[in-house]
């Protein structure tokens, strides 16, 4: 199903009616619903993503769920450049790196983050 970009409050998402929409650069927004949320990437930005990360078991058609998949377009599109300040950009970038390393280690090298921390270390 195609969804318009940018989505608006009340419009449909894979997780239900959208409650909030927060821009994250010109081609990406963060959305929340009553039950879940994630990133919505425009078709233009989606075409810039490596094909291997355009869809996952939980994400597709430009929607990337908030738990594991948000980090794929975040890193691939350099969305940290659109954060409010450098401290937040660094914090969210590191969270994205850890998320990819844990949930998508097969794409870590593609996204330039390496897979050396793919599994949690216990010591």
C-alpha atoms as a PDB file:
ATOM      1  CA  UNK A   1       0.000   0.000   0.000  1.00  0.00           C
ATOM      2  CA  UNK A   2       1.325   3.441  -0.886  1.00  0.00           C
ATOM      3  CA  UNK A   3       1.224   6.152   1.720  1.00  0.00           C
ATOM      4  CA  UNK A   4       1.568   9.875   0.998  1.00  0.00           C
ATOM      5  CA  UNK A   5       4.623  11.717   2.242  1.00  0.00           C
ATOM      6  CA  UNK A   6       4.769  13.378   4.599  1.00  0.00           C
ATOM      7  CA  UNK A   7       2.071  11.644   6.604  1.00  0.00           C
ATOM      8  CA  UNK A   8      -0.184  13.733   8.807  1.00  0.00           C
ATOM      9  CA  UNK A   9      -1.796  13.251  12.214  1.00  0.00           C
ATOM     10  CA  UNK A  10      -4.741  10.889  11.859  1.00  0.00           C
ATOM     11  CA  UNK A  11      -3.514   9.308   8.638  1.00  0.00           C
ATOM     12  CA  UNK A  12      -2.779   5.599   8.393  1.00  0.00           C
ATOM     13  CA  UNK A  13       0.466   3.837   9.176  1.00  0.00           C
ATOM     14  CA  UNK A  14       1.329   0.139   9.461  1.00  0.00           C
ATOM     15  CA  UNK A  15       0.792   0.521  13.228  1.00  0.00           C
ATOM     16  CA  UNK A  16      -2.522   2.354  13.172  1.00  0.00           C
ATOM     17  CA  UNK A  17      -3.624   5.995  13.045  1.00  0.00           C
ATOM     18  CA  UNK A  18      -0.744   8.429  13.431  1.00  0.00           C
ATOM     19  CA  UNK A  19      -0.756  10.524  16.604  1.00  0.00           C
ATOM     20  CA  UNK A  20       2.461  12.517  16.151  1.00  0.00           C
ATOM     21  CA  UNK A  21       4.680  13.455  13.214  1.00  0.00           C
ATOM     22  CA  UNK A  22       8.159  14.899  13.810  1.00  0.00           C
ATOM     23  CA  UNK A  23      10.343  15.920  10.847  1.00  0.00           C
ATOM     24  CA  UNK A  24      13.834  14.446  10.771  1.00  0.00           C
ATOM     25  CA  UNK A  25      15.344  16.081   7.741  1.00  0.00           C
ATOM     26  CA  UNK A  26      13.597  16.868   4.462  1.00  0.00           C
ATOM     27  CA  UNK A  27      12.792  13.268   3.514  1.00  0.00           C
ATOM     28  CA  UNK A  28      12.123  11.486   6.815  1.00  0.00           C
ATOM     29  CA  UNK A  29       9.647  11.856   9.660  1.00  0.00           C
ATOM     30  CA  UNK A  30       9.272  10.057  12.942  1.00  0.00           C
ATOM     31  CA  UNK A  31       5.706   8.949  13.706  1.00  0.00           C
ATOM     32  CA  UNK A  32       3.980   7.537  16.752  1.00  0.00           C
ATOM     33  CA  UNK A  33       0.679   5.744  17.148  1.00  0.00           C
ATOM     34  CA  UNK A  34      -1.169   4.469  20.199  1.00  0.00           C
ATOM     35  CA  UNK A  35       0.713   1.189  19.980  1.00  0.00           C
ATOM     36  CA  UNK A  36       3.965   1.659  18.069  1.00  0.00           C
ATOM     37  CA  UNK A  37       5.822   3.925  15.675  1.00  0.00           C
ATOM     38  CA  UNK A  38       8.876   4.404  13.572  1.00  0.00           C
ATOM     39  CA  UNK A  39      10.313   6.337  10.671  1.00  0.00           C
ATOM     40  CA  UNK A  40       8.587   7.143   7.398  1.00  0.00           C
ATOM     41  CA  UNK A  41      11.028   7.685   4.539  1.00  0.00           C
ATOM     42  CA  UNK A  42       9.957   9.454   1.340  1.00  0.00           C
ATOM     43  CA  UNK A  43      10.137   7.494  -1.913  1.00  0.00           C
ATOM     44  CA  UNK A  44      13.002   9.771  -2.985  1.00  0.00           C
ATOM     45  CA  UNK A  45      15.015   8.928   0.127  1.00  0.00           C
ATOM     46  CA  UNK A  46      14.035   5.277  -0.084  1.00  0.00           C
ATOM     47  CA  UNK A  47      15.591   5.114  -3.546  1.00  0.00           C
ATOM     48  CA  UNK A  48      18.872   6.361  -2.023  1.00  0.00           C
ATOM     49  CA  UNK A  49      18.999   3.489   0.478  1.00  0.00           C
ATOM     50  CA  UNK A  50      20.992   0.400  -0.425  1.00  0.00           C
ATOM     51  CA  UNK A  51      18.541  -2.182  -1.730  1.00  0.00           C
ATOM     52  CA  UNK A  52      19.532  -4.656   0.990  1.00  0.00           C
ATOM     53  CA  UNK A  53      18.073  -2.448   3.732  1.00  0.00           C
ATOM     54  CA  UNK A  54      14.905  -1.156   2.066  1.00  0.00           C
ATOM     55  CA  UNK A  55      12.807  -3.936   3.579  1.00  0.00           C
ATOM     56  CA  UNK A  56      13.081  -6.160   6.627  1.00  0.00           C
ATOM     57  CA  UNK A  57      10.815  -8.713   8.262  1.00  0.00           C
ATOM     58  CA  UNK A  58       9.123  -5.832  10.120  1.00  0.00           C
ATOM     59  CA  UNK A  59       9.493  -2.887   7.752  1.00  0.00           C
ATOM     60  CA  UNK A  60       8.763  -2.007   4.142  1.00  0.00           C
ATOM     61  CA  UNK A  61       7.313   0.528   1.716  1.00  0.00           C
ATOM     62  CA  UNK A  62       9.281   3.320   3.348  1.00  0.00           C
ATOM     63  CA  UNK A  63       8.196   2.513   6.910  1.00  0.00           C
ATOM     64  CA  UNK A  64      10.860   1.461   9.439  1.00  0.00           C
ATOM     65  CA  UNK A  65       9.629   0.333  12.852  1.00  0.00           C
ATOM     66  CA  UNK A  66      10.953   1.999  15.976  1.00  0.00           C
ATOM     67  CA  UNK A  67      12.604  -0.878  17.824  1.00  0.00           C
ATOM     68  CA  UNK A  68      15.144  -2.443  15.466  1.00  0.00           C
ATOM     69  CA  UNK A  69      14.768  -1.054  11.960  1.00  0.00           C
ATOM     70  CA  UNK A  70      14.810   2.740  12.442  1.00  0.00           C
ATOM     71  CA  UNK A  71      18.600   2.670  12.586  1.00  0.00           C
ATOM     72  CA  UNK A  72      18.949   1.447   8.990  1.00  0.00           C
ATOM     73  CA  UNK A  73      17.717   4.622   7.261  1.00  0.00           C
ATOM     74  CA  UNK A  74      19.040   6.765  10.111  1.00  0.00           C
ATOM     75  CA  UNK A  75      22.614   5.714   9.373  1.00  0.00           C
ATOM     76  CA  UNK A  76      22.268   5.299   5.614  1.00  0.00           C
ATOM     77  CA  UNK A  77      20.813   8.789   5.162  1.00  0.00           C
ATOM     78  CA  UNK A  78      23.015  10.517   7.734  1.00  0.00           C
ATOM     79  CA  UNK A  79      20.029  11.701   9.728  1.00  0.00           C
ATOM     80  CA  UNK A  80      22.197  12.679  12.678  1.00  0.00           C
ATOM     81  CA  UNK A  81      22.963  15.823  10.665  1.00  0.00           C
ATOM     82  CA  UNK A  82      19.374  16.944  11.296  1.00  0.00           C
ATOM     83  CA  UNK A  83      19.358  16.529  15.070  1.00  0.00           C
ATOM     84  CA  UNK A  84      18.811  19.623  17.217  1.00  0.00           C
ATOM     85  CA  UNK A  85      22.383  19.778  18.527  1.00  0.00           C
ATOM     86  CA  UNK A  86      25.723  17.980  18.404  1.00  0.00           C
ATOM     87  CA  UNK A  87      25.245  16.172  21.715  1.00  0.00           C
ATOM     88  CA  UNK A  88      21.906  14.720  20.648  1.00  0.00           C
ATOM     89  CA  UNK A  89      23.320  13.837  17.225  1.00  0.00           C
ATOM     90  CA  UNK A  90      26.190  11.902  18.817  1.00  0.00           C
ATOM     91  CA  UNK A  91      23.856  10.132  21.269  1.00  0.00           C
ATOM     92  CA  UNK A  92      21.338   9.043  18.646  1.00  0.00           C
ATOM     93  CA  UNK A  93      24.073   8.079  16.173  1.00  0.00           C
ATOM     94  CA  UNK A  94      25.628   5.775  18.785  1.00  0.00           C
ATOM     95  CA  UNK A  95      22.209   4.281  19.559  1.00  0.00           C
ATOM     96  CA  UNK A  96      21.742   3.631  15.830  1.00  0.00           C
ATOM     97  CA  UNK A  97      25.158   1.965  15.594  1.00  0.00           C
ATOM     98  CA  UNK A  98      24.378  -0.294  18.567  1.00  0.00           C
ATOM     99  CA  UNK A  99      20.952  -1.131  17.132  1.00  0.00           C
ATOM    100  CA  UNK A 100      22.388  -2.147  13.758  1.00  0.00           C
ATOM    101  CA  UNK A 101      25.170  -4.141  15.402  1.00  0.00           C
ATOM    102  CA  UNK A 102      22.668  -6.029  17.535  1.00  0.00           C
ATOM    103  CA  UNK A 103      19.714  -6.516  15.180  1.00  0.00           C
ATOM    104  CA  UNK A 104      21.191  -6.167  11.682  1.00  0.00           C
ATOM    105  CA  UNK A 105      24.851  -7.237  11.922  1.00  0.00           C
ATOM    106  CA  UNK A 106      24.699  -8.458   8.323  1.00  0.00           C
ATOM    107  CA  UNK A 107      24.302  -4.793   7.263  1.00  0.00           C
ATOM    108  CA  UNK A 108      26.808  -3.224   9.663  1.00  0.00           C
ATOM    109  CA  UNK A 109      29.668  -3.085   7.148  1.00  0.00           C
ATOM    110  CA  UNK A 110      27.326  -1.760   4.449  1.00  0.00           C
ATOM    111  CA  UNK A 111      26.435   1.100   6.803  1.00  0.00           C
ATOM    112  CA  UNK A 112      30.041   1.700   7.806  1.00  0.00           C
ATOM    113  CA  UNK A 113      29.701   0.703  11.443  1.00  0.00           C
ATOM    114  CA  UNK A 114      31.391  -2.701  11.595  1.00  0.00           C
ATOM    115  CA  UNK A 115      29.851  -5.705  13.295  1.00  0.00           C
ATOM    116  CA  UNK A 116      32.382  -6.113  16.113  1.00  0.00           C
ATOM    117  CA  UNK A 117      29.810  -5.459  18.835  1.00  0.00           C
ATOM    118  CA  UNK A 118      27.020  -7.502  17.269  1.00  0.00           C
ATOM    119  CA  UNK A 119      26.444  -9.587  20.370  1.00  0.00           C
ATOM    120  CA  UNK A 120      26.171  -8.267  23.909  1.00  0.00           C
ATOM    121  CA  UNK A 121      29.315  -8.970  25.913  1.00  0.00           C
ATOM    122  CA  UNK A 122      29.148 -10.399  29.388  1.00  0.00           C
ATOM    123  CA  UNK A 123      32.126 -10.453  31.590  1.00  0.00           C
END
